[in-house]
N, C-alpha and C. Protein backbone atom coordinates (compact mmCIF):
# COMPACT_ATOMS: atom_id res chain seq x y z
N MET A 1 3.46 27.11 -18.31
CA MET A 1 3.73 25.90 -17.54
C MET A 1 3.15 24.69 -18.27
N THR A 2 3.94 23.63 -18.38
CA THR A 2 3.48 22.41 -19.05
C THR A 2 2.47 21.68 -18.17
N PRO A 3 1.30 21.34 -18.70
CA PRO A 3 0.31 20.63 -17.87
C PRO A 3 0.79 19.21 -17.56
N LEU A 4 0.25 18.65 -16.47
CA LEU A 4 0.56 17.27 -16.14
C LEU A 4 0.01 16.35 -17.22
N PRO A 5 0.78 15.36 -17.65
CA PRO A 5 0.24 14.38 -18.60
C PRO A 5 -1.00 13.70 -18.02
N LEU A 6 -1.99 13.49 -18.85
CA LEU A 6 -3.27 12.96 -18.37
C LEU A 6 -3.15 11.64 -17.61
N PRO A 7 -2.29 10.69 -18.05
CA PRO A 7 -2.20 9.45 -17.26
C PRO A 7 -1.84 9.69 -15.80
N LEU A 8 -0.99 10.68 -15.52
CA LEU A 8 -0.63 10.96 -14.13
C LEU A 8 -1.84 11.40 -13.32
N LEU A 9 -2.72 12.19 -13.95
CA LEU A 9 -3.91 12.65 -13.24
C LEU A 9 -4.81 11.48 -12.87
N VAL A 10 -4.77 10.43 -13.68
CA VAL A 10 -5.56 9.23 -13.39
C VAL A 10 -4.84 8.34 -12.39
N TRP A 11 -3.58 8.02 -12.68
CA TRP A 11 -2.83 7.08 -11.85
C TRP A 11 -2.72 7.53 -10.40
N LEU A 12 -2.58 8.85 -10.18
CA LEU A 12 -2.33 9.36 -8.84
C LEU A 12 -3.52 10.09 -8.25
N SER A 13 -4.69 9.79 -8.79
CA SER A 13 -5.92 10.34 -8.22
C SER A 13 -6.41 9.42 -7.10
N PRO A 14 -7.22 9.95 -6.18
CA PRO A 14 -7.76 9.09 -5.11
C PRO A 14 -8.60 7.93 -5.62
N GLY A 15 -9.13 8.06 -6.85
CA GLY A 15 -9.99 7.01 -7.37
C GLY A 15 -9.25 5.86 -8.03
N PHE A 16 -7.93 5.97 -8.20
CA PHE A 16 -7.21 4.88 -8.84
C PHE A 16 -7.10 3.72 -7.86
N PRO A 17 -7.35 2.47 -8.31
CA PRO A 17 -7.53 1.35 -7.37
C PRO A 17 -6.24 0.78 -6.80
N VAL A 18 -5.55 1.58 -5.96
CA VAL A 18 -4.38 1.06 -5.27
C VAL A 18 -4.64 0.87 -3.78
N GLY A 19 -5.80 1.33 -3.30
CA GLY A 19 -6.12 1.16 -1.88
C GLY A 19 -5.40 2.12 -0.96
N ALA A 20 -4.97 3.27 -1.47
CA ALA A 20 -4.23 4.22 -0.64
C ALA A 20 -5.03 4.68 0.57
N PHE A 21 -6.35 4.72 0.44
CA PHE A 21 -7.21 5.18 1.53
C PHE A 21 -7.11 4.30 2.77
N ALA A 22 -6.59 3.08 2.62
CA ALA A 22 -6.53 2.14 3.75
C ALA A 22 -5.29 2.31 4.61
N PHE A 23 -4.39 3.21 4.22
CA PHE A 23 -3.10 3.34 4.92
C PHE A 23 -2.92 4.74 5.48
N SER A 24 -2.34 4.81 6.68
CA SER A 24 -2.08 6.12 7.29
C SER A 24 -0.60 6.38 7.51
N HIS A 25 0.27 5.41 7.17
CA HIS A 25 1.72 5.64 7.25
C HIS A 25 2.17 5.90 8.70
N GLY A 26 1.46 5.29 9.64
CA GLY A 26 1.78 5.50 11.06
C GLY A 26 1.11 6.70 11.67
N LEU A 27 0.42 7.49 10.86
CA LEU A 27 -0.22 8.71 11.37
C LEU A 27 -1.31 8.39 12.38
N GLU A 28 -1.97 7.24 12.21
CA GLU A 28 -3.03 6.89 13.16
C GLU A 28 -2.48 6.75 14.58
N TRP A 29 -1.30 6.15 14.71
CA TRP A 29 -0.71 6.07 16.05
C TRP A 29 -0.31 7.46 16.54
N ALA A 30 0.21 8.30 15.66
CA ALA A 30 0.61 9.65 16.06
C ALA A 30 -0.58 10.43 16.60
N VAL A 31 -1.75 10.26 15.99
CA VAL A 31 -2.96 10.91 16.49
C VAL A 31 -3.40 10.30 17.81
N GLU A 32 -3.39 8.98 17.88
CA GLU A 32 -3.79 8.28 19.10
C GLU A 32 -2.92 8.68 20.30
N SER A 33 -1.63 8.83 20.05
CA SER A 33 -0.69 9.15 21.13
C SER A 33 -0.67 10.62 21.49
N GLY A 34 -1.28 11.45 20.67
CA GLY A 34 -1.27 12.89 20.91
C GLY A 34 -0.11 13.62 20.26
N ALA A 35 0.76 12.89 19.57
CA ALA A 35 1.88 13.55 18.90
C ALA A 35 1.40 14.49 17.80
N VAL A 36 0.28 14.13 17.18
CA VAL A 36 -0.37 15.01 16.20
C VAL A 36 -1.81 15.20 16.67
N HIS A 37 -2.16 16.43 17.04
CA HIS A 37 -3.50 16.67 17.58
C HIS A 37 -4.18 17.91 17.00
N ASN A 38 -3.50 18.60 16.09
CA ASN A 38 -4.12 19.78 15.46
C ASN A 38 -3.46 20.03 14.11
N ALA A 39 -3.92 21.07 13.44
CA ALA A 39 -3.44 21.35 12.09
C ALA A 39 -1.95 21.68 12.08
N ALA A 40 -1.51 22.45 13.04
CA ALA A 40 -0.09 22.82 13.08
C ALA A 40 0.80 21.60 13.26
N GLY A 41 0.37 20.69 14.12
CA GLY A 41 1.15 19.48 14.35
C GLY A 41 1.19 18.59 13.13
N LEU A 42 0.06 18.48 12.43
CA LEU A 42 0.02 17.66 11.22
C LEU A 42 0.91 18.26 10.14
N GLN A 43 0.84 19.58 9.98
CA GLN A 43 1.66 20.21 8.95
C GLN A 43 3.15 20.00 9.24
N ALA A 44 3.53 20.11 10.49
CA ALA A 44 4.94 19.89 10.85
C ALA A 44 5.35 18.44 10.61
N TRP A 45 4.46 17.51 10.93
CA TRP A 45 4.72 16.07 10.72
C TRP A 45 4.96 15.79 9.24
N LEU A 46 4.08 16.32 8.40
CA LEU A 46 4.20 16.09 6.96
C LEU A 46 5.40 16.81 6.37
N ALA A 47 5.69 18.01 6.87
CA ALA A 47 6.86 18.74 6.38
C ALA A 47 8.14 17.96 6.64
N ASP A 48 8.19 17.26 7.78
CA ASP A 48 9.36 16.43 8.07
C ASP A 48 9.45 15.25 7.12
N LEU A 49 8.30 14.64 6.78
CA LEU A 49 8.32 13.53 5.83
C LEU A 49 8.82 13.99 4.46
N VAL A 50 8.47 15.21 4.09
CA VAL A 50 8.89 15.75 2.80
C VAL A 50 10.37 16.09 2.81
N ALA A 51 10.84 16.70 3.89
CA ALA A 51 12.23 17.16 3.93
C ALA A 51 13.21 16.07 4.33
N HIS A 52 12.78 15.17 5.21
CA HIS A 52 13.72 14.21 5.80
C HIS A 52 13.25 12.76 5.79
N GLY A 53 12.01 12.51 5.40
CA GLY A 53 11.45 11.19 5.62
C GLY A 53 11.09 10.42 4.37
N SER A 54 10.02 9.65 4.48
CA SER A 54 9.68 8.67 3.46
C SER A 54 9.25 9.29 2.14
N ILE A 55 8.61 10.44 2.15
CA ILE A 55 8.21 11.06 0.89
C ILE A 55 9.45 11.45 0.10
N ARG A 56 10.45 11.98 0.79
CA ARG A 56 11.72 12.30 0.12
C ARG A 56 12.38 11.03 -0.42
N ALA A 57 12.45 9.99 0.39
CA ALA A 57 13.09 8.74 -0.04
C ALA A 57 12.35 8.11 -1.21
N ASP A 58 11.02 8.10 -1.15
CA ASP A 58 10.25 7.50 -2.23
C ASP A 58 10.41 8.28 -3.53
N ALA A 59 10.54 9.60 -3.44
CA ALA A 59 10.78 10.39 -4.65
C ALA A 59 12.11 10.02 -5.28
N THR A 60 13.12 9.79 -4.44
CA THR A 60 14.43 9.38 -4.94
C THR A 60 14.36 8.01 -5.61
N LEU A 61 13.64 7.09 -4.99
CA LEU A 61 13.50 5.75 -5.54
C LEU A 61 12.69 5.75 -6.84
N LEU A 62 11.65 6.56 -6.89
CA LEU A 62 10.88 6.69 -8.13
C LEU A 62 11.78 7.17 -9.27
N ALA A 63 12.60 8.19 -8.98
CA ALA A 63 13.49 8.72 -10.01
C ALA A 63 14.48 7.66 -10.48
N ALA A 64 14.99 6.87 -9.56
CA ALA A 64 15.95 5.82 -9.94
C ALA A 64 15.28 4.76 -10.80
N ALA A 65 14.04 4.41 -10.47
CA ALA A 65 13.31 3.42 -11.28
C ALA A 65 12.99 3.99 -12.66
N TRP A 66 12.65 5.26 -12.71
CA TRP A 66 12.35 5.90 -13.99
C TRP A 66 13.57 5.88 -14.91
N ARG A 67 14.75 6.07 -14.33
CA ARG A 67 15.97 6.13 -15.12
C ARG A 67 16.54 4.74 -15.45
N ALA A 68 16.02 3.70 -14.85
CA ALA A 68 16.58 2.36 -15.04
C ALA A 68 16.66 2.01 -16.51
N VAL A 69 17.79 1.44 -16.91
CA VAL A 69 18.00 1.15 -18.33
C VAL A 69 17.31 -0.14 -18.78
N ASP A 70 16.98 -1.00 -17.82
CA ASP A 70 16.28 -2.24 -18.17
C ASP A 70 15.53 -2.75 -16.95
N ALA A 71 14.78 -3.84 -17.13
CA ALA A 71 13.96 -4.37 -16.05
C ALA A 71 14.80 -4.86 -14.89
N ALA A 72 16.00 -5.39 -15.17
CA ALA A 72 16.85 -5.88 -14.08
C ALA A 72 17.27 -4.73 -13.17
N GLU A 73 17.64 -3.61 -13.77
CA GLU A 73 18.03 -2.45 -12.95
C GLU A 73 16.83 -1.91 -12.18
N ALA A 74 15.67 -1.87 -12.82
CA ALA A 74 14.46 -1.42 -12.14
C ALA A 74 14.12 -2.33 -10.97
N CYS A 75 14.32 -3.63 -11.14
CA CYS A 75 14.05 -4.57 -10.06
C CYS A 75 15.03 -4.40 -8.90
N ALA A 76 16.26 -4.02 -9.21
CA ALA A 76 17.23 -3.75 -8.14
C ALA A 76 16.78 -2.54 -7.31
N VAL A 77 16.27 -1.51 -7.99
CA VAL A 77 15.71 -0.36 -7.27
C VAL A 77 14.51 -0.79 -6.44
N ASN A 78 13.67 -1.62 -7.03
CA ASN A 78 12.49 -2.13 -6.33
C ASN A 78 12.87 -2.90 -5.07
N ASP A 79 13.87 -3.74 -5.18
CA ASP A 79 14.32 -4.52 -4.02
C ASP A 79 14.82 -3.60 -2.91
N LEU A 80 15.53 -2.55 -3.30
CA LEU A 80 16.02 -1.60 -2.30
C LEU A 80 14.85 -0.89 -1.63
N ALA A 81 13.87 -0.50 -2.41
CA ALA A 81 12.71 0.18 -1.85
C ALA A 81 12.00 -0.69 -0.82
N LEU A 82 11.83 -1.96 -1.11
CA LEU A 82 11.20 -2.87 -0.16
C LEU A 82 12.07 -3.07 1.08
N ALA A 83 13.37 -3.18 0.88
CA ALA A 83 14.28 -3.41 2.00
C ALA A 83 14.35 -2.22 2.94
N LEU A 84 14.13 -1.02 2.41
CA LEU A 84 14.23 0.19 3.23
C LEU A 84 12.98 0.44 4.06
N ALA A 85 11.91 -0.29 3.85
CA ALA A 85 10.70 -0.10 4.66
C ALA A 85 11.05 -0.36 6.13
N PRO A 86 10.78 0.59 7.03
CA PRO A 86 11.26 0.48 8.41
C PRO A 86 10.40 -0.40 9.31
N SER A 87 9.26 -0.87 8.82
CA SER A 87 8.40 -1.71 9.65
C SER A 87 7.61 -2.65 8.76
N ARG A 88 7.00 -3.65 9.38
CA ARG A 88 6.21 -4.62 8.62
C ARG A 88 5.06 -3.93 7.90
N GLU A 89 4.37 -3.03 8.59
CA GLU A 89 3.23 -2.38 7.97
C GLU A 89 3.62 -1.42 6.86
N ARG A 90 4.76 -0.75 7.00
CA ARG A 90 5.20 0.14 5.93
C ARG A 90 5.60 -0.66 4.69
N ARG A 91 6.14 -1.86 4.89
CA ARG A 91 6.42 -2.71 3.73
C ARG A 91 5.12 -3.15 3.07
N LEU A 92 4.14 -3.52 3.90
CA LEU A 92 2.83 -3.88 3.38
C LEU A 92 2.24 -2.72 2.58
N GLU A 93 2.38 -1.51 3.11
CA GLU A 93 1.81 -0.33 2.47
C GLU A 93 2.37 -0.11 1.06
N THR A 94 3.69 -0.15 0.94
CA THR A 94 4.29 0.09 -0.37
C THR A 94 4.05 -1.07 -1.32
N ALA A 95 4.09 -2.31 -0.81
CA ALA A 95 3.90 -3.48 -1.68
C ALA A 95 2.46 -3.63 -2.12
N ALA A 96 1.52 -3.42 -1.22
CA ALA A 96 0.11 -3.55 -1.58
C ALA A 96 -0.26 -2.53 -2.65
N GLN A 97 0.21 -1.31 -2.49
CA GLN A 97 -0.11 -0.28 -3.47
C GLN A 97 0.65 -0.49 -4.78
N GLY A 98 1.90 -0.92 -4.68
CA GLY A 98 2.67 -1.19 -5.89
C GLY A 98 2.09 -2.32 -6.71
N ASN A 99 1.73 -3.41 -6.04
CA ASN A 99 1.13 -4.55 -6.74
C ASN A 99 -0.20 -4.17 -7.38
N ALA A 100 -1.02 -3.42 -6.63
CA ALA A 100 -2.32 -3.01 -7.16
C ALA A 100 -2.16 -2.04 -8.33
N PHE A 101 -1.16 -1.17 -8.23
CA PHE A 101 -0.91 -0.22 -9.32
C PHE A 101 -0.56 -0.96 -10.61
N LEU A 102 0.35 -1.91 -10.55
CA LEU A 102 0.72 -2.65 -11.74
C LEU A 102 -0.44 -3.48 -12.28
N ALA A 103 -1.25 -4.03 -11.39
CA ALA A 103 -2.40 -4.83 -11.82
C ALA A 103 -3.40 -3.98 -12.59
N ALA A 104 -3.50 -2.69 -12.23
CA ALA A 104 -4.43 -1.80 -12.92
C ALA A 104 -3.82 -1.19 -14.17
N VAL A 105 -2.56 -0.80 -14.08
CA VAL A 105 -1.90 -0.12 -15.20
C VAL A 105 -1.63 -1.08 -16.35
N GLY A 106 -1.20 -2.29 -16.03
CA GLY A 106 -0.81 -3.24 -17.07
C GLY A 106 -1.87 -3.45 -18.14
N PRO A 107 -3.10 -3.79 -17.77
CA PRO A 107 -4.13 -4.00 -18.80
C PRO A 107 -4.63 -2.71 -19.44
N ALA A 108 -4.72 -1.62 -18.66
CA ALA A 108 -5.32 -0.39 -19.17
C ALA A 108 -4.34 0.47 -19.96
N TRP A 109 -3.09 0.49 -19.53
CA TRP A 109 -2.04 1.26 -20.21
C TRP A 109 -0.86 0.33 -20.51
N PRO A 110 -1.06 -0.64 -21.39
CA PRO A 110 0.00 -1.63 -21.63
C PRO A 110 1.23 -0.99 -22.28
N ALA A 111 2.38 -1.52 -21.92
CA ALA A 111 3.65 -1.11 -22.51
C ALA A 111 4.64 -2.25 -22.31
N PRO A 112 5.50 -2.52 -23.27
CA PRO A 112 6.45 -3.63 -23.14
C PRO A 112 7.32 -3.53 -21.89
N ALA A 113 7.76 -2.33 -21.55
CA ALA A 113 8.64 -2.18 -20.38
C ALA A 113 7.93 -2.54 -19.08
N ILE A 114 6.64 -2.21 -19.00
CA ILE A 114 5.87 -2.59 -17.80
C ILE A 114 5.72 -4.10 -17.73
N ALA A 115 5.37 -4.71 -18.85
CA ALA A 115 5.20 -6.16 -18.88
C ALA A 115 6.51 -6.87 -18.54
N HIS A 116 7.63 -6.36 -19.04
CA HIS A 116 8.92 -6.98 -18.76
C HIS A 116 9.27 -6.84 -17.28
N PHE A 117 8.99 -5.68 -16.70
CA PHE A 117 9.23 -5.46 -15.28
C PHE A 117 8.43 -6.46 -14.45
N VAL A 118 7.18 -6.65 -14.78
CA VAL A 118 6.33 -7.60 -14.04
C VAL A 118 6.87 -9.02 -14.20
N THR A 119 7.33 -9.36 -15.41
CA THR A 119 7.87 -10.70 -15.65
C THR A 119 9.12 -10.95 -14.82
N VAL A 120 10.02 -9.98 -14.77
CA VAL A 120 11.26 -10.13 -14.00
C VAL A 120 10.96 -10.21 -12.51
N LEU A 121 9.94 -9.46 -12.07
CA LEU A 121 9.54 -9.55 -10.65
C LEU A 121 9.02 -10.94 -10.32
N ALA A 122 8.43 -11.60 -11.30
CA ALA A 122 7.81 -12.92 -11.11
C ALA A 122 6.77 -12.82 -10.01
N ASP A 123 6.94 -13.57 -8.93
CA ASP A 123 5.97 -13.54 -7.84
C ASP A 123 6.36 -12.56 -6.74
N GLY A 124 7.36 -11.73 -7.00
CA GLY A 124 7.80 -10.79 -5.99
C GLY A 124 6.90 -9.56 -5.92
N ASP A 125 7.02 -8.82 -4.85
CA ASP A 125 6.23 -7.61 -4.65
C ASP A 125 6.84 -6.44 -5.40
N ALA A 126 5.98 -5.51 -5.78
CA ALA A 126 6.42 -4.26 -6.40
C ALA A 126 6.26 -3.13 -5.39
N ALA A 127 7.32 -2.38 -5.16
CA ALA A 127 7.24 -1.19 -4.31
C ALA A 127 6.53 -0.08 -5.09
N TYR A 128 5.69 0.66 -4.43
CA TYR A 128 4.85 1.66 -5.10
C TYR A 128 5.66 2.68 -5.91
N PRO A 129 6.69 3.32 -5.35
CA PRO A 129 7.43 4.30 -6.17
C PRO A 129 8.13 3.68 -7.36
N ALA A 130 8.62 2.46 -7.22
CA ALA A 130 9.26 1.79 -8.35
C ALA A 130 8.26 1.49 -9.45
N ALA A 131 7.08 1.03 -9.07
CA ALA A 131 6.04 0.73 -10.05
C ALA A 131 5.65 1.98 -10.84
N ILE A 132 5.53 3.11 -10.15
CA ILE A 132 5.16 4.35 -10.83
C ILE A 132 6.30 4.83 -11.72
N GLY A 133 7.53 4.76 -11.22
CA GLY A 133 8.67 5.19 -12.02
C GLY A 133 8.81 4.40 -13.31
N VAL A 134 8.69 3.09 -13.22
CA VAL A 134 8.79 2.24 -14.41
C VAL A 134 7.66 2.55 -15.39
N SER A 135 6.45 2.71 -14.88
CA SER A 135 5.30 2.94 -15.75
C SER A 135 5.38 4.30 -16.44
N ALA A 136 5.80 5.32 -15.70
CA ALA A 136 5.92 6.64 -16.31
C ALA A 136 6.97 6.63 -17.41
N ALA A 137 8.11 6.01 -17.15
CA ALA A 137 9.16 5.94 -18.17
C ALA A 137 8.69 5.15 -19.37
N ALA A 138 7.94 4.07 -19.14
CA ALA A 138 7.46 3.23 -20.24
C ALA A 138 6.55 4.00 -21.18
N HIS A 139 5.87 5.01 -20.64
CA HIS A 139 4.96 5.81 -21.47
C HIS A 139 5.56 7.18 -21.81
N ALA A 140 6.87 7.31 -21.64
CA ALA A 140 7.58 8.55 -21.99
C ALA A 140 7.02 9.77 -21.28
N ILE A 141 6.56 9.58 -20.06
CA ILE A 141 6.09 10.70 -19.25
C ILE A 141 7.31 11.30 -18.54
N PRO A 142 7.56 12.58 -18.67
CA PRO A 142 8.76 13.18 -18.08
C PRO A 142 8.84 12.96 -16.58
N LEU A 143 10.07 12.89 -16.08
CA LEU A 143 10.29 12.59 -14.67
C LEU A 143 9.77 13.69 -13.76
N HIS A 144 10.07 14.94 -14.08
CA HIS A 144 9.73 16.02 -13.14
C HIS A 144 8.22 16.09 -12.85
N PRO A 145 7.35 16.11 -13.85
CA PRO A 145 5.92 16.12 -13.53
C PRO A 145 5.45 14.85 -12.82
N THR A 146 6.12 13.73 -13.11
CA THR A 146 5.78 12.50 -12.38
C THR A 146 6.06 12.68 -10.89
N LEU A 147 7.19 13.27 -10.58
CA LEU A 147 7.54 13.52 -9.17
C LEU A 147 6.60 14.53 -8.54
N ASP A 148 6.23 15.57 -9.28
CA ASP A 148 5.26 16.55 -8.76
C ASP A 148 3.97 15.85 -8.36
N ALA A 149 3.45 15.03 -9.27
CA ALA A 149 2.17 14.37 -9.02
C ALA A 149 2.28 13.36 -7.88
N PHE A 150 3.38 12.61 -7.85
CA PHE A 150 3.56 11.58 -6.83
C PHE A 150 3.66 12.18 -5.43
N THR A 151 4.49 13.20 -5.27
CA THR A 151 4.68 13.77 -3.93
C THR A 151 3.40 14.45 -3.44
N LEU A 152 2.68 15.12 -4.36
CA LEU A 152 1.42 15.75 -3.96
C LEU A 152 0.41 14.69 -3.55
N ALA A 153 0.33 13.60 -4.30
CA ALA A 153 -0.62 12.53 -3.96
C ALA A 153 -0.30 11.91 -2.62
N ALA A 154 1.00 11.70 -2.34
CA ALA A 154 1.40 11.11 -1.06
C ALA A 154 0.98 12.00 0.10
N CYS A 155 1.22 13.29 -0.05
CA CYS A 155 0.87 14.23 1.01
C CYS A 155 -0.65 14.33 1.16
N SER A 156 -1.35 14.41 0.05
CA SER A 156 -2.81 14.54 0.09
C SER A 156 -3.47 13.33 0.73
N ASN A 157 -2.91 12.14 0.48
CA ASN A 157 -3.49 10.95 1.08
C ASN A 157 -3.37 10.96 2.60
N LEU A 158 -2.23 11.44 3.10
CA LEU A 158 -2.05 11.50 4.55
C LEU A 158 -2.92 12.58 5.17
N VAL A 159 -3.12 13.68 4.48
CA VAL A 159 -4.03 14.71 4.97
C VAL A 159 -5.46 14.16 5.02
N SER A 160 -5.83 13.40 4.00
CA SER A 160 -7.15 12.78 3.99
C SER A 160 -7.31 11.81 5.16
N ALA A 161 -6.26 11.06 5.46
CA ALA A 161 -6.31 10.15 6.61
C ALA A 161 -6.51 10.94 7.90
N ALA A 162 -5.83 12.07 8.02
CA ALA A 162 -5.96 12.89 9.23
C ALA A 162 -7.38 13.42 9.39
N VAL A 163 -8.03 13.78 8.29
CA VAL A 163 -9.42 14.23 8.36
C VAL A 163 -10.30 13.13 8.93
N ARG A 164 -10.09 11.90 8.46
CA ARG A 164 -10.89 10.79 8.95
C ARG A 164 -10.58 10.44 10.40
N LEU A 165 -9.36 10.73 10.83
CA LEU A 165 -8.98 10.45 12.22
C LEU A 165 -9.48 11.52 13.19
N GLY A 166 -9.80 12.72 12.68
CA GLY A 166 -10.47 13.70 13.52
C GLY A 166 -9.75 14.95 13.94
N PRO A 167 -8.40 15.05 13.91
CA PRO A 167 -7.77 16.25 14.45
C PRO A 167 -7.90 17.49 13.58
N ILE A 168 -8.30 17.35 12.32
CA ILE A 168 -8.48 18.51 11.44
C ILE A 168 -9.77 18.34 10.65
N GLY A 169 -10.23 19.47 10.10
CA GLY A 169 -11.39 19.45 9.23
C GLY A 169 -10.99 19.67 7.78
N GLN A 170 -11.98 19.71 6.90
CA GLN A 170 -11.70 19.81 5.47
C GLN A 170 -11.03 21.13 5.10
N THR A 171 -11.44 22.23 5.69
CA THR A 171 -10.83 23.52 5.36
C THR A 171 -9.38 23.55 5.80
N GLU A 172 -9.11 23.07 7.00
CA GLU A 172 -7.72 22.99 7.47
C GLU A 172 -6.90 22.07 6.57
N ALA A 173 -7.53 20.99 6.10
CA ALA A 173 -6.82 20.05 5.23
C ALA A 173 -6.32 20.74 3.98
N GLN A 174 -7.18 21.52 3.35
CA GLN A 174 -6.77 22.21 2.13
C GLN A 174 -5.71 23.27 2.40
N ALA A 175 -5.80 23.92 3.54
CA ALA A 175 -4.79 24.92 3.89
C ALA A 175 -3.43 24.27 4.10
N ILE A 176 -3.40 23.08 4.68
CA ILE A 176 -2.14 22.36 4.90
C ILE A 176 -1.53 21.96 3.56
N ILE A 177 -2.35 21.42 2.66
CA ILE A 177 -1.83 21.02 1.35
C ILE A 177 -1.26 22.23 0.62
N ALA A 178 -1.99 23.34 0.66
CA ALA A 178 -1.51 24.56 -0.01
C ALA A 178 -0.20 25.03 0.59
N ALA A 179 -0.08 24.95 1.91
CA ALA A 179 1.15 25.41 2.57
C ALA A 179 2.34 24.52 2.23
N LEU A 180 2.09 23.23 1.98
CA LEU A 180 3.18 22.30 1.69
C LEU A 180 3.57 22.27 0.23
N CYS A 181 2.77 22.84 -0.65
CA CYS A 181 3.06 22.78 -2.09
C CYS A 181 4.44 23.32 -2.46
N PRO A 182 4.90 24.45 -1.91
CA PRO A 182 6.24 24.91 -2.26
C PRO A 182 7.34 23.90 -1.90
N ALA A 183 7.21 23.26 -0.74
CA ALA A 183 8.19 22.25 -0.34
C ALA A 183 8.12 21.03 -1.25
N LEU A 184 6.92 20.66 -1.67
CA LEU A 184 6.77 19.53 -2.59
C LEU A 184 7.40 19.86 -3.94
N ALA A 185 7.23 21.08 -4.40
CA ALA A 185 7.84 21.48 -5.67
C ALA A 185 9.36 21.45 -5.59
N ARG A 186 9.89 21.90 -4.46
CA ARG A 186 11.36 21.86 -4.28
C ARG A 186 11.85 20.41 -4.23
N LEU A 187 11.10 19.55 -3.56
CA LEU A 187 11.50 18.15 -3.49
C LEU A 187 11.50 17.52 -4.87
N ALA A 188 10.46 17.76 -5.66
CA ALA A 188 10.39 17.19 -7.00
C ALA A 188 11.55 17.67 -7.86
N ALA A 189 11.87 18.95 -7.77
CA ALA A 189 12.99 19.49 -8.55
C ALA A 189 14.31 18.86 -8.13
N TRP A 190 14.48 18.67 -6.83
CA TRP A 190 15.71 18.05 -6.34
C TRP A 190 15.78 16.58 -6.73
N ALA A 191 14.68 15.86 -6.53
CA ALA A 191 14.68 14.42 -6.81
C ALA A 191 14.90 14.14 -8.30
N ALA A 192 14.49 15.06 -9.15
CA ALA A 192 14.66 14.86 -10.58
C ALA A 192 16.14 14.81 -10.98
N THR A 193 17.00 15.37 -10.14
CA THR A 193 18.44 15.34 -10.43
C THR A 193 19.20 14.48 -9.42
N SER A 194 18.47 13.72 -8.61
CA SER A 194 19.10 12.91 -7.57
C SER A 194 19.65 11.61 -8.14
N SER A 195 20.41 10.91 -7.30
CA SER A 195 20.85 9.56 -7.63
C SER A 195 20.43 8.64 -6.49
N ILE A 196 20.57 7.35 -6.69
CA ILE A 196 20.16 6.40 -5.65
C ILE A 196 20.99 6.58 -4.38
N GLU A 197 22.20 7.12 -4.52
CA GLU A 197 23.03 7.36 -3.34
C GLU A 197 22.45 8.45 -2.44
N ASP A 198 21.53 9.26 -2.97
CA ASP A 198 20.90 10.32 -2.18
C ASP A 198 19.76 9.81 -1.32
N CYS A 199 19.40 8.54 -1.47
CA CYS A 199 18.25 8.01 -0.77
C CYS A 199 18.58 7.79 0.70
N GLY A 200 17.73 8.30 1.57
CA GLY A 200 17.92 8.12 3.02
C GLY A 200 16.88 8.91 3.77
N THR A 201 16.67 8.56 5.02
CA THR A 201 15.68 9.26 5.83
C THR A 201 16.25 9.54 7.23
N ALA A 202 15.61 10.52 7.88
CA ALA A 202 15.96 10.84 9.26
C ALA A 202 14.71 11.28 10.02
N ALA A 203 13.56 10.70 9.67
CA ALA A 203 12.30 11.02 10.34
C ALA A 203 11.94 9.85 11.25
N TRP A 204 12.70 9.71 12.32
CA TRP A 204 12.56 8.52 13.18
C TRP A 204 11.22 8.46 13.87
N GLY A 205 10.64 9.62 14.18
CA GLY A 205 9.33 9.61 14.84
C GLY A 205 8.28 8.93 14.00
N ALA A 206 8.29 9.19 12.70
CA ALA A 206 7.32 8.56 11.81
C ALA A 206 7.58 7.06 11.69
N ASP A 207 8.86 6.68 11.66
CA ASP A 207 9.19 5.24 11.59
C ASP A 207 8.74 4.52 12.86
N ILE A 208 8.97 5.13 14.00
CA ILE A 208 8.55 4.52 15.27
C ILE A 208 7.03 4.44 15.33
N ALA A 209 6.35 5.48 14.82
CA ALA A 209 4.89 5.47 14.81
C ALA A 209 4.36 4.29 14.00
N SER A 210 5.01 4.00 12.88
CA SER A 210 4.56 2.87 12.05
C SER A 210 4.77 1.55 12.77
N MET A 211 5.82 1.44 13.58
CA MET A 211 6.06 0.22 14.35
C MET A 211 5.02 0.06 15.47
N ARG A 212 4.74 1.15 16.15
CA ARG A 212 3.79 1.09 17.27
C ARG A 212 2.36 0.87 16.79
N HIS A 213 2.07 1.29 15.59
CA HIS A 213 0.74 1.07 15.04
C HIS A 213 0.43 -0.41 14.90
N GLU A 214 1.47 -1.22 14.72
CA GLU A 214 1.27 -2.65 14.52
C GLU A 214 0.57 -3.31 15.70
N THR A 215 0.71 -2.74 16.90
CA THR A 215 0.07 -3.31 18.08
C THR A 215 -0.99 -2.38 18.67
N GLN A 216 -1.37 -1.36 17.91
CA GLN A 216 -2.41 -0.45 18.39
C GLN A 216 -3.72 -1.20 18.50
N TYR A 217 -4.44 -1.02 19.61
CA TYR A 217 -5.62 -1.85 19.89
C TYR A 217 -6.76 -1.54 18.94
N SER A 218 -7.15 -0.28 18.83
CA SER A 218 -8.27 0.11 18.00
C SER A 218 -7.75 0.97 16.84
N ARG A 219 -8.09 0.59 15.61
CA ARG A 219 -7.54 1.32 14.49
C ARG A 219 -8.44 1.22 13.26
N LEU A 220 -8.33 2.23 12.41
CA LEU A 220 -9.06 2.28 11.15
C LEU A 220 -8.22 1.85 9.98
N PHE A 221 -6.91 2.03 10.07
CA PHE A 221 -6.02 1.89 8.93
C PHE A 221 -5.11 0.66 9.05
N ARG A 222 -4.59 0.24 7.91
CA ARG A 222 -3.70 -0.93 7.88
C ARG A 222 -2.25 -0.58 8.22
N SER A 223 -1.94 0.71 8.26
CA SER A 223 -0.59 1.12 8.64
C SER A 223 -0.65 2.45 9.37
């Protein structure tokens, strides 16, 4: 098995400065409302995001950005990614992380394609999956391992949020990630051969949760 390229291990680690720890993707409302209250419920919630929801859509968008032939095409993918955000907070989530990712990657891992992408964006926001796709392609990092790392990081971040919210503990968290790994591998393999026309979601509960979180009275997370 080919190991993950080292930049991916850095870019998609919890320590990379994109602020992922500040977002729950609507999960905080799901916990508050009781929709997710134990390990089984969390695993089912995340499995839906992988099979039908935002993790699937973001993998498709990342692949499209990775394949973009120039910065203009990458920016078109980026614009679509921002437009598809189903709520104000979900747009904030992808843009805040995308902007922070480019701000960190640009100086540390410079590449002409990344700089050109940032220039074409001008003062516009970068969607997180588009930023990662462009950066991986700029450094000749293969698409499939990029998708493996991205989908695992997305899932792991939400599991970490659930630990902080209280319905699961650390041991349950690791068991959930392990149980979801086969689905994540299937998603990465599928997304690697996908096209932008394959992008879409049907996880309405998660989208509604992100909308309701915007008016949640007491909260730890920005989304």
